[in-house]
């Protein structure tokens, strides 16, 4: 089994952010699907601000990877859902803190609301090894 491979074909514009256009999972790899993670701490507390919730949501993704024997280098795809009206700055700051130089294929979408109004961000992902 090999680590995922990332690329940015010369036939499309370079990524405008911290991501890659393509994440390839080779046959025979273990694939891990990470359900949407909100900003709840392990003891169930929710921060009041987007900055607090973003920190915890990205940390939760990292915790799940580590519990599965993986790191952010194994992330192939990440989807970020942010409630409209929130600033993307706090999200980008938390992403950099927890994902570092990892550049998985990514989608960032503003949504009207998540499952409950108290949640401001949700992150889901796919990882492979």
Protein backbone atom coordinates (compact mmCIF):
# COMPACT_ATOMS: atom_id res chain seq x y z
CA UNK A 1 0.00 0.00 0.00
CA UNK A 2 1.24 3.45 -0.84
CA UNK A 3 0.57 6.99 0.27
CA UNK A 4 -1.85 9.06 -1.80
CA UNK A 5 -0.37 10.99 -4.71
CA UNK A 6 -1.19 14.64 -5.38
CA UNK A 7 -0.85 16.67 -8.55
CA UNK A 8 -1.92 19.83 -10.32
CA UNK A 9 -2.25 19.22 -14.06
CA UNK A 10 -0.79 21.95 -16.26
CA UNK A 11 -4.07 21.96 -18.20
CA UNK A 12 -5.91 23.79 -15.37
CA UNK A 13 -5.07 26.95 -13.45
CA UNK A 14 -2.87 26.51 -10.35
CA UNK A 15 -4.77 26.08 -7.06
CA UNK A 16 -5.85 29.38 -5.51
CA UNK A 17 -5.38 28.07 -1.97
CA UNK A 18 -3.86 25.36 0.20
CA UNK A 19 -4.99 22.35 -1.81
CA UNK A 20 -4.21 20.15 -4.80
CA UNK A 21 -6.49 19.59 -7.77
CA UNK A 22 -5.95 15.83 -7.77
CA UNK A 23 -5.58 13.23 -5.03
CA UNK A 24 -4.99 9.67 -6.27
CA UNK A 25 -5.59 6.58 -4.14
CA UNK A 26 -3.77 3.55 -5.56
CA UNK A 27 -5.46 0.16 -5.71
CA UNK A 28 -4.93 -1.93 -2.56
CA UNK A 29 -4.92 1.08 -0.24
CA UNK A 30 -6.83 1.38 3.02
CA UNK A 31 -9.42 4.14 2.63
CA UNK A 32 -10.76 6.04 5.65
CA UNK A 33 -13.91 8.16 5.40
CA UNK A 34 -14.19 10.85 8.07
CA UNK A 35 -17.73 11.93 8.87
CA UNK A 36 -18.49 15.63 9.20
CA UNK A 37 -16.74 17.04 12.25
CA UNK A 38 -18.11 20.09 14.04
CA UNK A 39 -16.42 22.15 16.74
CA UNK A 40 -17.28 19.90 19.69
CA UNK A 41 -14.46 19.09 22.12
CA UNK A 42 -13.97 15.45 23.21
CA UNK A 43 -16.07 16.22 26.32
CA UNK A 44 -18.91 17.70 24.23
CA UNK A 45 -18.27 21.42 24.71
CA UNK A 46 -18.87 23.85 21.83
CA UNK A 47 -17.00 27.11 21.47
CA UNK A 48 -19.08 30.25 20.98
CA UNK A 49 -16.96 31.70 18.16
CA UNK A 50 -16.06 30.48 14.70
CA UNK A 51 -12.37 30.59 15.62
CA UNK A 52 -12.98 28.21 18.56
CA UNK A 53 -15.22 25.88 16.53
CA UNK A 54 -12.82 25.82 13.55
CA UNK A 55 -9.89 24.96 15.83
CA UNK A 56 -11.79 22.06 17.35
CA UNK A 57 -13.24 20.77 14.07
CA UNK A 58 -9.79 20.58 12.44
CA UNK A 59 -8.37 19.09 15.65
CA UNK A 60 -11.11 16.42 15.54
CA UNK A 61 -10.08 15.46 12.00
CA UNK A 62 -6.48 15.16 13.20
CA UNK A 63 -7.58 13.08 16.23
CA UNK A 64 -9.45 10.67 13.95
CA UNK A 65 -6.47 10.33 11.62
CA UNK A 66 -4.13 9.65 14.54
CA UNK A 67 -6.54 7.10 16.05
CA UNK A 68 -6.44 5.33 12.68
CA UNK A 69 -2.63 5.36 12.48
CA UNK A 70 -2.56 8.15 9.91
CA UNK A 71 -1.47 11.78 9.62
CA UNK A 72 -2.56 14.74 7.53
CA UNK A 73 -0.22 13.41 4.81
CA UNK A 74 -2.81 10.66 4.30
CA UNK A 75 -5.68 13.08 3.65
CA UNK A 76 -6.83 12.82 0.04
CA UNK A 77 -10.00 14.95 0.07
CA UNK A 78 -11.46 17.51 2.48
CA UNK A 79 -14.83 19.26 2.32
CA UNK A 80 -15.36 22.33 4.49
CA UNK A 81 -18.83 23.72 5.10
CA UNK A 82 -18.99 27.19 6.65
CA UNK A 83 -22.19 29.01 7.58
CA UNK A 84 -22.79 32.08 5.42
CA UNK A 85 -21.82 35.35 7.04
CA UNK A 86 -18.79 33.83 8.77
CA UNK A 87 -15.28 34.89 7.80
CA UNK A 88 -13.04 32.35 6.10
CA UNK A 89 -9.97 33.80 7.87
CA UNK A 90 -10.46 31.81 11.10
CA UNK A 91 -11.03 28.65 9.06
CA UNK A 92 -7.83 29.13 7.08
CA UNK A 93 -5.87 29.85 10.27
CA UNK A 94 -7.10 26.63 11.93
CA UNK A 95 -6.50 24.62 8.77
CA UNK A 96 -2.89 25.79 8.60
CA UNK A 97 -2.38 25.03 12.30
CA UNK A 98 -3.65 21.44 12.08
CA UNK A 99 -2.97 20.49 8.45
CA UNK A 100 0.35 22.32 8.00
CA UNK A 101 1.74 21.74 4.52
CA UNK A 102 -0.79 19.01 3.64
CA UNK A 103 -2.53 19.89 0.37
CA UNK A 104 -5.38 17.41 -0.13
CA UNK A 105 -7.96 18.00 -2.83
CA UNK A 106 -10.44 20.36 -1.16
CA UNK A 107 -13.83 21.97 -1.49
CA UNK A 108 -14.91 24.98 0.60
CA UNK A 109 -18.63 25.81 0.57
CA UNK A 110 -20.71 28.45 2.31
CA UNK A 111 -24.06 27.05 3.46
CA UNK A 112 -27.17 28.71 4.94
CA UNK A 113 -27.09 26.51 8.07
CA UNK A 114 -25.76 23.22 9.40
CA UNK A 115 -27.85 20.59 11.23
CA UNK A 116 -28.23 22.92 14.24
CA UNK A 117 -27.85 26.72 14.19
CA UNK A 118 -25.20 26.61 16.93
CA UNK A 119 -22.72 24.89 14.58
CA UNK A 120 -20.76 27.29 12.39
CA UNK A 121 -18.41 24.87 10.58
CA UNK A 122 -18.30 21.22 9.57
CA UNK A 123 -15.38 19.34 8.00
CA UNK A 124 -15.39 15.91 6.38
CA UNK A 125 -12.59 14.03 4.73
CA UNK A 126 -11.17 10.98 3.02
CA UNK A 127 -7.74 9.56 3.84
CA UNK A 128 -5.76 6.62 2.46
CA UNK A 129 -2.64 4.60 3.15
